[in-house]
Amino acid sequence: MAKAYNKKVRLRVFKEGDLVLKKILPTLGEDQSKQALNYEGPYMVKKDVFEGALILTKMDGGDLPKLVKFDIIKKYYG
């Protein structure tokens, strides 16, 4: 089973300077309709802190206050 599953898993690598989109995590009381946005950004990868977490910066130069995990970002091809 594990061999069949691992065959489809792909490693995602983000380097400094890559543009990424960050998933919007819904909170209670926010718009959760089908037309609501799923991703926000683009952001630039500033630094890979440790395995699975990144520091992102806004396009105007300000850093995001929290670390971001790999599972809620995807590469931006704009």
PDB file of N, CA and C in Angstrom:
ATOM      1  N   MET A   1       0.829  -1.189   0.000  1.00  0.00           N
ATOM      2  CA  MET A   1       0.000   0.000   0.000  1.00  0.00           C
ATOM      3  C   MET A   1       0.875   1.255   0.000  1.00  0.00           C
ATOM      4  N   ALA A   2       1.855   1.281   0.896  1.00  0.00           N
ATOM      5  CA  ALA A   2       2.693   2.473   1.017  1.00  0.00           C
ATOM      6  C   ALA A   2       3.469   2.727  -0.266  1.00  0.00           C
ATOM      7  N   LYS A   3       3.927   1.693  -0.913  1.00  0.00           N
ATOM      8  CA  LYS A   3       4.692   1.858  -2.155  1.00  0.00           C
ATOM      9  C   LYS A   3       3.824   2.482  -3.240  1.00  0.00           C
ATOM     10  N   ALA A   4       2.571   2.068  -3.348  1.00  0.00           N
ATOM     11  CA  ALA A   4       1.658   2.629  -4.343  1.00  0.00           C
ATOM     12  C   ALA A   4       1.332   4.090  -4.028  1.00  0.00           C
ATOM     13  N   TYR A   5       1.159   4.420  -2.760  1.00  0.00           N
ATOM     14  CA  TYR A   5       0.862   5.791  -2.366  1.00  0.00           C
ATOM     15  C   TYR A   5       2.059   6.703  -2.613  1.00  0.00           C
ATOM     16  N   ASN A   6       3.235   6.277  -2.199  1.00  0.00           N
ATOM     17  CA  ASN A   6       4.434   7.094  -2.320  1.00  0.00           C
ATOM     18  C   ASN A   6       4.854   7.331  -3.760  1.00  0.00           C
ATOM     19  N   LYS A   7       4.374   6.519  -4.675  1.00  0.00           N
ATOM     20  CA  LYS A   7       4.695   6.708  -6.083  1.00  0.00           C
ATOM     21  C   LYS A   7       4.084   8.004  -6.613  1.00  0.00           C
ATOM     22  N   LYS A   8       2.938   8.410  -6.057  1.00  0.00           N
ATOM     23  CA  LYS A   8       2.233   9.605  -6.527  1.00  0.00           C
ATOM     24  C   LYS A   8       2.610  10.869  -5.765  1.00  0.00           C
ATOM     25  N   VAL A   9       3.292  10.747  -4.641  1.00  0.00           N
ATOM     26  CA  VAL A   9       3.658  11.900  -3.835  1.00  0.00           C
ATOM     27  C   VAL A   9       4.851  12.608  -4.472  1.00  0.00           C
ATOM     28  N   ARG A  10       4.740  13.939  -4.609  1.00  0.00           N
ATOM     29  CA  ARG A  10       5.819  14.718  -5.203  1.00  0.00           C
ATOM     30  C   ARG A  10       6.371  15.694  -4.173  1.00  0.00           C
ATOM     31  N   LEU A  11       7.674  15.821  -4.164  1.00  0.00           N
ATOM     32  CA  LEU A  11       8.347  16.740  -3.267  1.00  0.00           C
ATOM     33  C   LEU A  11       8.198  18.156  -3.799  1.00  0.00           C
ATOM     34  N   ARG A  12       7.772  19.075  -2.946  1.00  0.00           N
ATOM     35  CA  ARG A  12       7.656  20.482  -3.338  1.00  0.00           C
ATOM     36  C   ARG A  12       8.834  21.241  -2.755  1.00  0.00           C
ATOM     37  N   VAL A  13       9.528  21.946  -3.630  1.00  0.00           N
ATOM     38  CA  VAL A  13      10.708  22.692  -3.215  1.00  0.00           C
ATOM     39  C   VAL A  13      10.463  24.161  -3.494  1.00  0.00           C
ATOM     40  N   PHE A  14      10.648  24.999  -2.475  1.00  0.00           N
ATOM     41  CA  PHE A  14      10.516  26.443  -2.625  1.00  0.00           C
ATOM     42  C   PHE A  14      11.857  27.080  -2.310  1.00  0.00           C
ATOM     43  N   LYS A  15      12.327  27.927  -3.221  1.00  0.00           N
ATOM     44  CA  LYS A  15      13.597  28.625  -3.036  1.00  0.00           C
ATOM     45  C   LYS A  15      13.328  30.085  -2.694  1.00  0.00           C
ATOM     46  N   GLU A  16      14.329  30.765  -2.172  1.00  0.00           N
ATOM     47  CA  GLU A  16      14.200  32.185  -1.880  1.00  0.00           C
ATOM     48  C   GLU A  16      13.931  32.939  -3.180  1.00  0.00           C
ATOM     49  N   GLY A  17      12.937  33.817  -3.144  1.00  0.00           N
ATOM     50  CA  GLY A  17      12.571  34.598  -4.317  1.00  0.00           C
ATOM     51  C   GLY A  17      11.422  34.026  -5.116  1.00  0.00           C
ATOM     52  N   ASP A  18      10.989  32.797  -4.838  1.00  0.00           N
ATOM     53  CA  ASP A  18       9.837  32.214  -5.537  1.00  0.00           C
ATOM     54  C   ASP A  18       8.564  32.944  -5.132  1.00  0.00           C
ATOM     55  N   LEU A  19       7.641  33.072  -6.078  1.00  0.00           N
ATOM     56  CA  LEU A  19       6.331  33.652  -5.790  1.00  0.00           C
ATOM     57  C   LEU A  19       5.362  32.527  -5.453  1.00  0.00           C
ATOM     58  N   VAL A  20       4.592  32.704  -4.383  1.00  0.00           N
ATOM     59  CA  VAL A  20       3.659  31.680  -3.932  1.00  0.00           C
ATOM     60  C   VAL A  20       2.317  32.317  -3.584  1.00  0.00           C
ATOM     61  N   LEU A  21       1.287  31.491  -3.559  1.00  0.00           N
ATOM     62  CA  LEU A  21      -0.040  31.881  -3.091  1.00  0.00           C
ATOM     63  C   LEU A  21      -0.300  31.165  -1.771  1.00  0.00           C
ATOM     64  N   LYS A  22      -0.952  31.855  -0.833  1.00  0.00           N
ATOM     65  CA  LYS A  22      -1.248  31.291   0.483  1.00  0.00           C
ATOM     66  C   LYS A  22      -2.740  31.014   0.583  1.00  0.00           C
ATOM     67  N   LYS A  23      -3.098  29.831   1.031  1.00  0.00           N
ATOM     68  CA  LYS A  23      -4.497  29.447   1.172  1.00  0.00           C
ATOM     69  C   LYS A  23      -5.158  30.258   2.278  1.00  0.00           C
ATOM     70  N   ILE A  24      -6.382  30.709   2.008  1.00  0.00           N
ATOM     71  CA  ILE A  24      -7.159  31.428   3.010  1.00  0.00           C
ATOM     72  C   ILE A  24      -7.897  30.395   3.846  1.00  0.00           C
ATOM     73  N   LEU A  25      -7.570  30.334   5.124  1.00  0.00           N
ATOM     74  CA  LEU A  25      -8.223  29.390   6.021  1.00  0.00           C
ATOM     75  C   LEU A  25      -9.498  30.031   6.553  1.00  0.00           C
ATOM     76  N   PRO A  26     -10.657  29.390   6.342  1.00  0.00           N
ATOM     77  CA  PRO A  26     -11.917  29.998   6.772  1.00  0.00           C
ATOM     78  C   PRO A  26     -12.037  30.042   8.292  1.00  0.00           C
ATOM     79  N   THR A  27     -12.570  31.156   8.773  1.00  0.00           N
ATOM     80  CA  THR A  27     -12.846  31.291  10.196  1.00  0.00           C
ATOM     81  C   THR A  27     -14.345  31.443  10.386  1.00  0.00           C
ATOM     82  N   LEU A  28     -14.784  31.268  11.584  1.00  0.00           N
ATOM     83  CA  LEU A  28     -16.206  31.333  11.896  1.00  0.00           C
ATOM     84  C   LEU A  28     -16.739  32.733  11.604  1.00  0.00           C
ATOM     85  N   GLY A  29     -17.820  32.823  10.858  1.00  0.00           N
ATOM     86  CA  GLY A  29     -18.456  34.093  10.563  1.00  0.00           C
ATOM     87  C   GLY A  29     -18.016  34.718   9.250  1.00  0.00           C
ATOM     88  N   GLU A  30     -17.040  34.128   8.555  1.00  0.00           N
ATOM     89  CA  GLU A  30     -16.606  34.675   7.276  1.00  0.00           C
ATOM     90  C   GLU A  30     -17.421  34.080   6.147  1.00  0.00           C
ATOM     91  N   ASP A  31     -17.321  34.716   4.983  1.00  0.00           N
ATOM     92  CA  ASP A  31     -18.006  34.246   3.788  1.00  0.00           C
ATOM     93  C   ASP A  31     -17.392  32.924   3.337  1.00  0.00           C
ATOM     94  N   GLN A  32     -18.186  31.861   3.308  1.00  0.00           N
ATOM     95  CA  GLN A  32     -17.701  30.553   2.897  1.00  0.00           C
ATOM     96  C   GLN A  32     -18.473  30.051   1.680  1.00  0.00           C
ATOM     97  N   SER A  33     -18.915  30.965   0.838  1.00  0.00           N
ATOM     98  CA  SER A  33     -19.666  30.574  -0.344  1.00  0.00           C
ATOM     99  C   SER A  33     -18.722  30.039  -1.417  1.00  0.00           C
ATOM    100  N   LYS A  34     -19.286  29.514  -2.486  1.00  0.00           N
ATOM    101  CA  LYS A  34     -18.475  28.975  -3.573  1.00  0.00           C
ATOM    102  C   LYS A  34     -17.670  30.059  -4.273  1.00  0.00           C
ATOM    103  N   GLN A  35     -18.165  31.287  -4.269  1.00  0.00           N
ATOM    104  CA  GLN A  35     -17.482  32.372  -4.957  1.00  0.00           C
ATOM    105  C   GLN A  35     -16.399  33.032  -4.099  1.00  0.00           C
ATOM    106  N   ALA A  36     -16.250  32.630  -2.861  1.00  0.00           N
ATOM    107  CA  ALA A  36     -15.233  33.220  -1.987  1.00  0.00           C
ATOM    108  C   ALA A  36     -13.844  32.816  -2.483  1.00  0.00           C
ATOM    109  N   LEU A  37     -12.872  33.679  -2.270  1.00  0.00           N
ATOM    110  CA  LEU A  37     -11.511  33.412  -2.706  1.00  0.00           C
ATOM    111  C   LEU A  37     -10.896  32.270  -1.898  1.00  0.00           C
ATOM    112  N   ASN A  38     -10.106  31.442  -2.562  1.00  0.00           N
ATOM    113  CA  ASN A  38      -9.443  30.328  -1.894  1.00  0.00           C
ATOM    114  C   ASN A  38      -7.999  30.650  -1.532  1.00  0.00           C
ATOM    115  N   TYR A  39      -7.345  31.496  -2.327  1.00  0.00           N
ATOM    116  CA  TYR A  39      -5.941  31.828  -2.117  1.00  0.00           C
ATOM    117  C   TYR A  39      -5.760  33.336  -2.126  1.00  0.00           C
ATOM    118  N   GLU A  40      -4.728  33.806  -1.425  1.00  0.00           N
ATOM    119  CA  GLU A  40      -4.378  35.214  -1.427  1.00  0.00           C
ATOM    120  C   GLU A  40      -2.901  35.351  -1.777  1.00  0.00           C
ATOM    121  N   GLY A  41      -2.538  36.488  -2.298  1.00  0.00           N
ATOM    122  CA  GLY A  41      -1.141  36.703  -2.632  1.00  0.00           C
ATOM    123  C   GLY A  41      -1.017  37.394  -3.963  1.00  0.00           C
ATOM    124  N   PRO A  42       0.073  37.374  -4.603  1.00  0.00           N
ATOM    125  CA  PRO A  42       1.250  36.535  -4.389  1.00  0.00           C
ATOM    126  C   PRO A  42       2.162  37.095  -3.314  1.00  0.00           C
ATOM    127  N   TYR A  43       2.883  36.182  -2.686  1.00  0.00           N
ATOM    128  CA  TYR A  43       3.905  36.508  -1.701  1.00  0.00           C
ATOM    129  C   TYR A  43       5.241  35.989  -2.218  1.00  0.00           C
ATOM    130  N   MET A  44       6.323  36.518  -1.668  1.00  0.00           N
ATOM    131  CA  MET A  44       7.654  36.072  -2.049  1.00  0.00           C
ATOM    132  C   MET A  44       8.268  35.298  -0.885  1.00  0.00           C
ATOM    133  N   VAL A  45       8.931  34.186  -1.199  1.00  0.00           N
ATOM    134  CA  VAL A  45       9.596  33.392  -0.170  1.00  0.00           C
ATOM    135  C   VAL A  45      10.861  34.134   0.254  1.00  0.00           C
ATOM    136  N   LYS A  46      10.930  34.451   1.545  1.00  0.00           N
ATOM    137  CA  LYS A  46      12.096  35.160   2.068  1.00  0.00           C
ATOM    138  C   LYS A  46      13.145  34.181   2.566  1.00  0.00           C
ATOM    139  N   LYS A  47      12.686  33.175   3.344  1.00  0.00           N
ATOM    140  CA  LYS A  47      13.639  32.254   3.943  1.00  0.00           C
ATOM    141  C   LYS A  47      12.956  30.939   4.273  1.00  0.00           C
ATOM    142  N   ASP A  48      13.675  29.841   4.076  1.00  0.00           N
ATOM    143  CA  ASP A  48      13.227  28.522   4.497  1.00  0.00           C
ATOM    144  C   ASP A  48      13.774  28.298   5.894  1.00  0.00           C
ATOM    145  N   VAL A  49      12.916  28.437   6.909  1.00  0.00           N
ATOM    146  CA  VAL A  49      13.360  28.406   8.302  1.00  0.00           C
ATOM    147  C   VAL A  49      13.787  27.000   8.711  1.00  0.00           C
ATOM    148  N   PHE A  50      12.907  26.042   8.563  1.00  0.00           N
ATOM    149  CA  PHE A  50      13.231  24.651   8.845  1.00  0.00           C
ATOM    150  C   PHE A  50      12.320  23.794   7.991  1.00  0.00           C
ATOM    151  N   GLU A  51      12.459  22.509   8.086  1.00  0.00           N
ATOM    152  CA  GLU A  51      11.720  21.578   7.235  1.00  0.00           C
ATOM    153  C   GLU A  51      10.211  21.776   7.372  1.00  0.00           C
ATOM    154  N   GLY A  52       9.590  22.299   6.325  1.00  0.00           N
ATOM    155  CA  GLY A  52       8.145  22.451   6.304  1.00  0.00           C
ATOM    156  C   GLY A  52       7.614  23.813   6.644  1.00  0.00           C
ATOM    157  N   ALA A  53       8.465  24.820   6.887  1.00  0.00           N
ATOM    158  CA  ALA A  53       7.980  26.151   7.241  1.00  0.00           C
ATOM    159  C   ALA A  53       8.796  27.223   6.512  1.00  0.00           C
ATOM    160  N   LEU A  54       8.094  28.294   6.112  1.00  0.00           N
ATOM    161  CA  LEU A  54       8.714  29.384   5.373  1.00  0.00           C
ATOM    162  C   LEU A  54       8.367  30.721   6.004  1.00  0.00           C
ATOM    163  N   ILE A  55       9.217  31.715   5.762  1.00  0.00           N
ATOM    164  CA  ILE A  55       8.896  33.102   6.071  1.00  0.00           C
ATOM    165  C   ILE A  55       8.561  33.754   4.735  1.00  0.00           C
ATOM    166  N   LEU A  56       7.378  34.368   4.658  1.00  0.00           N
ATOM    167  CA  LEU A  56       6.931  35.017   3.421  1.00  0.00           C
ATOM    168  C   LEU A  56       6.942  36.526   3.596  1.00  0.00           C
ATOM    169  N   THR A  57       7.173  37.235   2.488  1.00  0.00           N
ATOM    170  CA  THR A  57       7.096  38.691   2.495  1.00  0.00           C
ATOM    171  C   THR A  57       6.048  39.126   1.491  1.00  0.00           C
ATOM    172  N   LYS A  58       5.398  40.239   1.789  1.00  0.00           N
ATOM    173  CA  LYS A  58       4.451  40.828   0.853  1.00  0.00           C
ATOM    174  C   LYS A  58       5.227  41.472  -0.284  1.00  0.00           C
ATOM    175  N   MET A  59       4.551  41.792  -1.351  1.00  0.00           N
ATOM    176  CA  MET A  59       5.223  42.382  -2.504  1.00  0.00           C
ATOM    177  C   MET A  59       5.732  43.790  -2.197  1.00  0.00           C
ATOM    178  N   ASP A  60       5.167  44.461  -1.194  1.00  0.00           N
ATOM    179  CA  ASP A  60       5.637  45.797  -0.830  1.00  0.00           C
ATOM    180  C   ASP A  60       6.818  45.755   0.139  1.00  0.00           C
ATOM    181  N   GLY A  61       7.201  44.555   0.602  1.00  0.00           N
ATOM    182  CA  GLY A  61       8.389  44.414   1.432  1.00  0.00           C
ATOM    183  C   GLY A  61       8.140  44.026   2.871  1.00  0.00           C
ATOM    184  N   GLY A  62       6.916  44.075   3.364  1.00  0.00           N
ATOM    185  CA  GLY A  62       6.634  43.714   4.759  1.00  0.00           C
ATOM    186  C   GLY A  62       6.530  42.211   4.948  1.00  0.00           C
ATOM    187  N   ASP A  63       7.081  41.720   6.054  1.00  0.00           N
ATOM    188  CA  ASP A  63       7.014  40.285   6.357  1.00  0.00           C
ATOM    189  C   ASP A  63       5.659  39.921   6.933  1.00  0.00           C
ATOM    190  N   LEU A  64       5.231  38.676   6.705  1.00  0.00           N
ATOM    191  CA  LEU A  64       4.047  38.151   7.378  1.00  0.00           C
ATOM    192  C   LEU A  64       4.426  37.835   8.825  1.00  0.00           C
ATOM    193  N   PRO A  65       3.508  38.035   9.772  1.00  0.00           N
ATOM    194  CA  PRO A  65       3.861  37.882  11.188  1.00  0.00           C
ATOM    195  C   PRO A  65       4.108  36.437  11.631  1.00  0.00           C
ATOM    196  N   LYS A  66       3.594  35.453  10.909  1.00  0.00           N
ATOM    197  CA  LYS A  66       3.730  34.058  11.335  1.00  0.00           C
ATOM    198  C   LYS A  66       4.424  33.232  10.265  1.00  0.00           C
ATOM    199  N   LEU A  67       4.990  32.106  10.688  1.00  0.00           N
ATOM    200  CA  LEU A  67       5.552  31.146   9.744  1.00  0.00           C
ATOM    201  C   LEU A  67       4.422  30.473   8.982  1.00  0.00           C
ATOM    202  N   VAL A  68       4.706  30.036   7.769  1.00  0.00           N
ATOM    203  CA  VAL A  68       3.701  29.406   6.926  1.00  0.00           C
ATOM    204  C   VAL A  68       4.182  28.005   6.565  1.00  0.00           C
ATOM    205  N   LYS A  69       3.312  27.010   6.729  1.00  0.00           N
ATOM    206  CA  LYS A  69       3.658  25.631   6.405  1.00  0.00           C
ATOM    207  C   LYS A  69       3.525  25.384   4.902  1.00  0.00           C
ATOM    208  N   PHE A  70       4.229  24.359   4.429  1.00  0.00           N
ATOM    209  CA  PHE A  70       4.195  23.996   3.010  1.00  0.00           C
ATOM    210  C   PHE A  70       2.807  23.562   2.542  1.00  0.00           C
ATOM    211  N   ASP A  71       2.013  22.982   3.434  1.00  0.00           N
ATOM    212  CA  ASP A  71       0.741  22.410   3.000  1.00  0.00           C
ATOM    213  C   ASP A  71      -0.323  23.456   2.674  1.00  0.00           C
ATOM    214  N   ILE A  72      -0.121  24.738   3.005  1.00  0.00           N
ATOM    215  CA  ILE A  72      -1.123  25.751   2.681  1.00  0.00           C
ATOM    216  C   ILE A  72      -0.633  26.755   1.637  1.00  0.00           C
ATOM    217  N   ILE A  73       0.474  26.444   0.957  1.00  0.00           N
ATOM    218  CA  ILE A  73       0.923  27.325  -0.114  1.00  0.00           C
ATOM    219  C   ILE A  73       1.098  26.537  -1.396  1.00  0.00           C
ATOM    220  N   LYS A  74       1.021  27.259  -2.505  1.00  0.00           N
ATOM    221  CA  LYS A  74       1.311  26.652  -3.795  1.00  0.00           C
ATOM    222  C   LYS A  74       2.045  27.677  -4.637  1.00  0.00           C
ATOM    223  N   LYS A  75       2.789  27.204  -5.612  1.00  0.00           N
ATOM    224  CA  LYS A  75       3.610  28.055  -6.448  1.00  0.00           C
ATOM    225  C   LYS A  75       2.726  28.916  -7.343  1.00  0.00           C
ATOM    226  N   TYR A  76       3.151  30.166  -7.541  1.00  0.00           N
ATOM    227  CA  TYR A  76       2.403  31.127  -8.365  1.00  0.00           C
ATOM    228  C   TYR A  76       3.119  31.258  -9.708  1.00  0.00           C
ATOM    229  N   TYR A  77       2.387  31.010 -10.791  1.00  0.00           N
ATOM    230  CA  TYR A  77       2.928  31.123 -12.136  1.00  0.00           C
ATOM    231  C   TYR A  77       2.225  32.262 -12.840  1.00  0.00           C
ATOM    232  N   GLY A  78       2.499  33.516 -12.454  1.00  0.00           N
ATOM    233  CA  GLY A  78       1.781  34.661 -12.970  1.00  0.00           C
ATOM    234  C   GLY A  78       2.427  35.244 -14.113  1.00  0.00           C
TER     235      GLY A  78
END
